Amino acid sequence: MLNQGWTYREQVDRSGAGLTLLAYYSQRYPHSSPEEWQDRISAGQVLLDDRPAAPNTILRPGQRLTYQRPPWEEPEVPLSFEVLYEDLDLLIVAKPSGLPVLPGGGFLEHTLLRQLQRQYPADQYPADQYLADQYPGTPVPIHRLGRGTSGLMLMARSPLAKSHLSQQMRDRQIQKTYRALVGRGFPDRLIVTDAIGKVPHPVLGYIYAATPDGQFAQSECRVLRRNGDTTLLEVTILTGRPHQIRIHLAAAGYPLLGDPLYGVGGLPYQPEAEKVAVPGDCGYYLHAYHLGFHHPRTGEVMSAICPPPSQLC
């Protein structure tokens, strides 16, 4: 089945000013070829200040750009998930591996957020029954998990919860512990502190990886079990950089088993074929096992555990 399509909106910034309309989209969104962008612009799918424009139109700062992507068929993913805890302020959800959290990368309807929007529509409660900070709405994620990562997701339902839980994230007060599977030889305990930042990517423009000029990140790892060629780890992260555990374990010389993207050193593998790996590709073994935080309204200490898949037990 086709989805309903999507409209992408943005504004021309200083770095985009002076480029042609075609060059702007070709340079910023290299997941599509210049020929594909030319066809979209010529077909009227790209608007400049709400009007069709020629591909060679020179852009000025502040102009509005709109790309109206037509409906497309999304890849099949597991859409079912389990709600482990629920109140008017928050949800704790067990996300399956393979389900993206947010729209992007070819996924729109087949995401956890869209499934939650269906299950918890914002208008299911009359607003006048609650104070402004108590009104429950569609859950929004406080943190993210990669598409291939399974386990616990913390979602806010009220403005109060979103504000307080986001502050706990910034203050590093939310405890997050994962299970991960790597190869043999991992030390009993290891703290990884490689900085994580943006590096060039041939399809997406950039992705996150280990880089000296990145931001501070810390992961604390300990071995839970050794079994032949595999090692089961418990990883607690002090920070929450994108793809932190995948990058840190690879930077330490022990990439997650099955990770199609990050190799030794914490950098993307160099593609050997036409297909270039992206962060949303699955195949690795990583599970968000435990969450600890304070309830945003009561201050109560909350703790949740999600049993891992068999490979990570």
Protein backbone atom coordinates (compact mmCIF):
# COMPACT_ATOMS: atom_id res chain seq x y z
CA MET A 1 0.00 0.00 0.00
CA LEU A 2 1.10 3.55 -0.70
CA ASN A 3 1.32 6.10 2.08
CA GLN A 4 -0.04 9.64 1.79
CA GLY A 5 3.21 11.27 0.69
CA TRP A 6 5.00 13.99 2.60
CA THR A 7 5.84 17.68 2.26
CA TYR A 8 9.35 18.80 3.24
CA ARG A 9 9.71 22.50 4.07
CA GLU A 10 12.83 24.55 4.68
CA GLN A 11 14.25 28.05 4.27
CA VAL A 12 17.28 29.08 2.24
CA ASP A 13 20.14 30.00 4.56
CA ARG A 14 23.31 31.93 3.80
CA SER A 15 25.21 28.86 2.67
CA GLY A 16 22.47 28.07 0.15
CA ALA A 17 22.13 31.57 -1.21
CA GLY A 18 23.64 31.98 -4.67
CA LEU A 19 23.13 28.33 -5.61
CA THR A 20 20.70 27.32 -8.30
CA LEU A 21 17.60 25.47 -7.19
CA LEU A 22 18.97 22.29 -8.77
CA ALA A 23 22.41 22.63 -7.18
CA TYR A 24 20.85 23.28 -3.76
CA TYR A 25 18.89 20.02 -3.69
CA SER A 26 21.59 17.98 -5.42
CA GLN A 27 24.26 19.07 -2.92
CA ARG A 28 22.17 18.89 0.24
CA TYR A 29 20.31 15.68 -0.54
CA PRO A 30 22.72 13.42 -2.46
CA HIS A 31 20.53 10.37 -1.78
CA SER A 32 18.98 11.32 -5.14
CA SER A 33 20.93 12.06 -8.32
CA PRO A 34 20.95 15.52 -9.97
CA GLU A 35 18.89 14.01 -12.79
CA GLU A 36 16.23 12.89 -10.31
CA TRP A 37 16.09 16.35 -8.73
CA GLN A 38 15.89 17.91 -12.20
CA ASP A 39 12.86 15.75 -13.00
CA ARG A 40 11.15 16.65 -9.69
CA ILE A 41 11.71 20.36 -10.16
CA SER A 42 10.49 20.23 -13.76
CA ALA A 43 7.39 18.28 -12.66
CA GLY A 44 6.46 20.99 -10.14
CA GLN A 45 7.14 18.87 -7.05
CA VAL A 46 9.59 21.50 -5.76
CA LEU A 47 8.21 24.97 -5.05
CA LEU A 48 10.05 28.21 -4.38
CA ASP A 49 7.99 30.64 -2.28
CA ASP A 50 4.96 28.46 -3.03
CA ARG A 51 5.43 28.64 -6.81
CA PRO A 52 7.08 26.38 -9.39
CA ALA A 53 10.55 27.55 -10.44
CA ALA A 54 13.11 26.62 -13.08
CA PRO A 55 16.06 24.43 -12.05
CA ASN A 56 18.53 27.23 -12.82
CA THR A 57 16.78 29.81 -10.57
CA ILE A 58 19.30 31.50 -8.26
CA LEU A 59 18.30 31.29 -4.60
CA ARG A 60 18.26 34.18 -2.12
CA PRO A 61 18.45 34.02 1.70
CA GLY A 62 15.10 33.56 3.41
CA GLN A 63 13.24 32.10 0.46
CA ARG A 64 10.89 29.20 1.26
CA LEU A 65 11.45 25.80 -0.33
CA THR A 66 8.85 23.03 -0.47
CA TYR A 67 9.36 19.52 -1.80
CA GLN A 68 6.10 17.63 -2.22
CA ARG A 69 7.08 13.99 -2.24
CA PRO A 70 4.37 11.86 -3.85
CA PRO A 71 3.02 8.74 -2.09
CA TRP A 72 5.37 5.76 -1.99
CA GLU A 73 5.38 2.18 -0.76
CA GLU A 74 7.36 1.81 2.44
CA PRO A 75 9.51 -1.23 3.35
CA GLU A 76 7.82 -3.81 5.55
CA VAL A 77 8.81 -3.61 9.23
CA PRO A 78 7.50 -5.08 12.50
CA LEU A 79 4.75 -2.68 13.58
CA SER A 80 3.68 -4.26 16.86
CA PHE A 81 5.11 -3.03 20.17
CA GLU A 82 4.35 -3.51 23.85
CA VAL A 83 3.43 -0.75 26.31
CA LEU A 84 5.16 -1.66 29.59
CA TYR A 85 3.97 1.33 31.64
CA GLU A 86 1.42 4.07 31.05
CA ASP A 87 -0.01 7.07 32.88
CA LEU A 88 -1.20 10.54 31.87
CA ASP A 89 2.39 11.84 31.76
CA LEU A 90 4.44 9.14 30.11
CA LEU A 91 4.72 5.80 28.38
CA ILE A 92 7.45 3.18 28.48
CA VAL A 93 7.41 1.16 25.27
CA ALA A 94 9.28 -1.98 24.21
CA LYS A 95 10.34 -1.31 20.61
CA PRO A 96 11.11 -4.24 18.32
CA SER A 97 14.26 -4.35 16.24
CA GLY A 98 13.56 -3.15 12.71
CA LEU A 99 10.95 -0.52 13.59
CA PRO A 100 12.15 3.08 13.06
CA VAL A 101 11.27 5.55 15.80
CA LEU A 102 10.75 8.67 13.66
CA PRO A 103 9.91 9.29 9.99
CA GLY A 104 12.91 9.42 7.68
CA GLY A 105 14.96 7.31 5.31
CA GLY A 106 11.96 6.07 3.32
CA PHE A 107 9.77 5.49 6.40
CA LEU A 108 6.72 7.57 7.25
CA GLU A 109 3.76 5.46 8.38
CA HIS A 110 5.93 2.47 9.30
CA THR A 111 7.40 4.16 12.37
CA LEU A 112 6.84 3.92 16.11
CA LEU A 113 5.74 7.55 16.24
CA ARG A 114 3.00 7.07 13.63
CA GLN A 115 1.75 3.92 15.32
CA LEU A 116 1.56 5.78 18.63
CA GLN A 117 -0.28 8.67 16.97
CA ARG A 118 -2.95 6.20 15.88
CA GLN A 119 -3.18 4.51 19.26
CA TYR A 120 -3.05 7.74 21.30
CA PRO A 121 -4.63 10.52 19.22
CA ALA A 122 -4.10 13.99 20.65
CA ASP A 123 -7.82 14.75 20.72
CA GLN A 124 -8.93 11.68 22.68
CA TYR A 125 -9.26 13.76 25.87
CA PRO A 126 -11.24 17.03 26.04
CA ALA A 127 -8.68 19.72 26.81
CA ASP A 128 -10.90 21.49 29.34
CA GLN A 129 -10.84 18.47 31.67
CA TYR A 130 -7.19 19.05 32.56
CA LEU A 131 -4.84 21.82 33.47
CA ALA A 132 -2.51 22.77 30.64
CA ASP A 133 0.42 20.79 32.03
CA GLN A 134 -1.74 17.73 32.68
CA TYR A 135 -3.38 17.34 29.30
CA PRO A 136 -2.26 14.04 27.78
CA GLY A 137 -1.53 14.04 24.09
CA THR A 138 0.26 11.95 21.50
CA PRO A 139 3.42 10.50 23.07
CA VAL A 140 6.73 11.97 21.89
CA PRO A 141 10.11 10.28 22.40
CA ILE A 142 12.49 11.64 25.02
CA HIS A 143 15.39 9.74 23.45
CA ARG A 144 15.89 7.64 20.35
CA LEU A 145 16.87 4.12 19.47
CA GLY A 146 18.35 3.09 16.15
CA ARG A 147 16.08 1.16 13.84
CA GLY A 148 17.96 -2.09 14.49
CA THR A 149 18.06 -1.58 18.27
CA SER A 150 15.32 -3.17 20.36
CA GLY A 151 14.13 -2.38 23.86
CA LEU A 152 12.98 0.47 26.09
CA MET A 153 11.76 3.81 24.79
CA LEU A 154 10.67 6.57 27.17
CA MET A 155 7.83 8.73 25.80
CA ALA A 156 6.31 11.94 27.20
CA ARG A 157 2.55 12.57 26.98
CA SER A 158 2.16 15.88 28.82
CA PRO A 159 4.04 19.17 28.44
CA LEU A 160 5.19 18.80 32.04
CA ALA A 161 6.65 15.37 31.35
CA LYS A 162 8.35 16.50 28.16
CA SER A 163 10.01 19.43 29.94
CA HIS A 164 11.10 17.51 33.05
CA LEU A 165 12.27 14.36 31.29
CA SER A 166 14.18 16.35 28.67
CA GLN A 167 15.92 18.22 31.50
CA GLN A 168 16.83 14.91 33.13
CA MET A 169 18.35 13.84 29.82
CA ARG A 170 20.40 17.04 29.58
CA ASP A 171 21.53 16.65 33.19
CA ARG A 172 22.46 12.99 32.57
CA GLN A 173 20.07 11.83 35.27
CA ILE A 174 18.39 9.12 33.18
CA GLN A 175 20.15 5.79 33.56
CA LYS A 176 20.36 3.77 30.35
CA THR A 177 21.82 0.27 30.23
CA TYR A 178 22.06 -1.90 27.12
CA ARG A 179 22.93 -5.45 26.13
CA ALA A 180 25.30 -5.82 23.18
CA LEU A 181 26.96 -8.71 21.34
CA VAL A 182 30.53 -8.50 20.07
CA GLY A 183 33.29 -10.93 19.14
CA ARG A 184 35.89 -12.58 21.33
CA GLY A 185 38.71 -10.92 23.27
CA PHE A 186 36.83 -8.06 24.92
CA PRO A 187 38.36 -7.05 28.30
CA ASP A 188 36.34 -7.70 31.45
CA ARG A 189 35.69 -3.97 31.87
CA LEU A 190 36.29 -1.02 29.58
CA ILE A 191 35.38 2.66 29.55
CA VAL A 192 35.30 4.21 26.07
CA THR A 193 35.48 8.01 25.72
CA ASP A 194 36.08 8.60 22.00
CA ALA A 195 34.49 11.83 20.81
CA ILE A 196 31.57 11.47 18.38
CA GLY A 197 30.77 13.90 15.60
CA LYS A 198 29.86 14.27 11.95
CA VAL A 199 31.88 12.73 9.12
CA PRO A 200 31.12 12.80 5.37
CA HIS A 201 28.81 10.17 3.89
CA PRO A 202 28.32 9.65 0.13
CA VAL A 203 24.53 9.23 0.32
CA LEU A 204 23.34 11.13 3.39
CA GLY A 205 25.88 13.95 3.27
CA TYR A 206 27.12 13.14 6.77
CA ILE A 207 26.71 10.58 9.53
CA TYR A 208 28.01 10.34 13.09
CA ALA A 209 31.23 8.48 13.83
CA ALA A 210 34.34 8.61 15.99
CA THR A 211 36.21 11.82 15.23
CA PRO A 212 38.66 13.88 17.34
CA ASP A 213 36.70 17.10 16.79
CA GLY A 214 33.39 15.58 17.92
CA GLN A 215 31.56 15.90 21.23
CA PHE A 216 32.44 14.14 24.46
CA ALA A 217 30.87 10.72 24.91
CA GLN A 218 31.33 7.99 27.51
CA SER A 219 30.28 4.34 27.56
CA GLU A 220 31.03 1.92 30.41
CA CYS A 221 31.22 -1.73 29.35
CA ARG A 222 31.51 -4.97 31.27
CA VAL A 223 31.42 -8.59 30.16
CA LEU A 224 28.37 -10.61 31.20
CA ARG A 225 29.19 -13.85 29.40
CA ARG A 226 31.74 -15.33 27.01
CA ASN A 227 30.57 -18.05 24.64
CA GLY A 228 33.09 -19.24 22.09
CA ASP A 229 33.48 -16.52 19.46
CA THR A 230 30.92 -14.16 21.02
CA THR A 231 30.90 -11.91 24.06
CA LEU A 232 27.77 -10.54 25.73
CA LEU A 233 28.24 -7.06 27.16
CA GLU A 234 26.39 -4.75 29.49
CA VAL A 235 26.90 -1.16 28.37
CA THR A 236 25.89 1.88 30.43
CA ILE A 237 26.05 5.21 28.63
CA LEU A 238 26.74 8.46 30.44
CA THR A 239 25.97 10.50 27.33
CA GLY A 240 23.50 9.91 24.50
CA ARG A 241 25.26 10.72 21.24
CA PRO A 242 23.76 9.30 18.02
CA HIS A 243 24.68 5.62 17.55
CA GLN A 244 27.01 5.95 20.54
CA ILE A 245 27.32 2.29 21.50
CA ARG A 246 27.80 1.11 17.92
CA ILE A 247 30.50 3.74 17.38
CA HIS A 248 32.24 3.26 20.73
CA LEU A 249 32.47 -0.52 20.56
CA ALA A 250 33.80 -0.28 17.01
CA ALA A 251 36.25 2.45 18.08
CA ALA A 252 37.52 0.11 20.82
CA GLY A 253 38.15 -2.56 18.18
CA TYR A 254 35.04 -4.67 18.83
CA PRO A 255 32.21 -3.73 16.42
CA LEU A 256 28.77 -5.11 17.17
CA LEU A 257 28.35 -8.48 15.50
CA GLY A 258 26.45 -7.99 12.27
CA ASP A 259 26.83 -4.20 12.17
CA PRO A 260 26.79 -3.31 8.46
CA LEU A 261 28.00 0.26 9.00
CA TYR A 262 30.65 0.75 11.68
CA GLY A 263 34.02 -1.02 11.56
CA VAL A 264 37.14 -1.05 13.72
CA GLY A 265 38.04 2.53 14.57
CA GLY A 266 34.43 3.68 14.85
CA LEU A 267 34.23 4.82 11.24
CA PRO A 268 31.94 3.64 8.43
CA TYR A 269 33.10 0.75 6.32
CA GLN A 270 34.28 1.77 2.88
CA PRO A 271 31.67 0.45 0.43
CA GLU A 272 32.88 -2.38 -1.80
CA ALA A 273 29.70 -2.54 -3.89
CA GLU A 274 27.02 -0.20 -5.18
CA LYS A 275 25.01 -0.33 -1.95
CA VAL A 276 26.28 2.08 0.68
CA ALA A 277 25.36 1.25 4.29
CA VAL A 278 23.34 3.80 6.28
CA PRO A 279 22.60 4.00 10.04
CA GLY A 280 19.12 2.54 9.60
CA ASP A 281 20.42 -0.76 8.21
CA CYS A 282 19.83 -3.64 10.61
CA GLY A 283 21.71 -6.83 11.43
CA TYR A 284 23.51 -5.95 14.65
CA TYR A 285 22.62 -7.06 18.19
CA LEU A 286 21.84 -4.22 20.60
CA HIS A 287 19.03 -3.99 23.16
CA ALA A 288 17.96 -1.20 25.55
CA TYR A 289 17.63 -3.30 28.70
CA HIS A 290 17.13 -0.91 31.64
CA LEU A 291 15.89 2.64 32.20
CA GLY A 292 15.99 4.58 35.48
CA PHE A 293 14.62 8.09 36.00
CA HIS A 294 12.44 10.25 38.27
CA HIS A 295 8.76 10.55 37.51
CA PRO A 296 8.23 14.09 36.18
CA ARG A 297 5.19 14.80 38.37
CA THR A 298 5.68 12.82 41.58
CA GLY A 299 9.48 12.66 41.74
CA GLU A 300 9.23 8.91 42.36
CA VAL A 301 12.22 6.83 41.26
CA MET A 302 11.12 4.80 38.25
CA SER A 303 12.85 1.70 36.93
CA ALA A 304 12.00 -0.44 33.91
CA ILE A 305 13.54 -3.58 32.44
CA CYS A 306 12.79 -5.10 29.04
CA PRO A 307 13.77 -8.76 28.62
CA PRO A 308 16.27 -9.05 25.75
CA PRO A 309 15.97 -11.31 22.69
CA SER A 310 17.47 -14.80 23.00
CA GLN A 311 20.79 -13.80 21.39
CA LEU A 312 21.37 -11.27 24.17
CA CYS A 313 20.33 -13.34 27.19
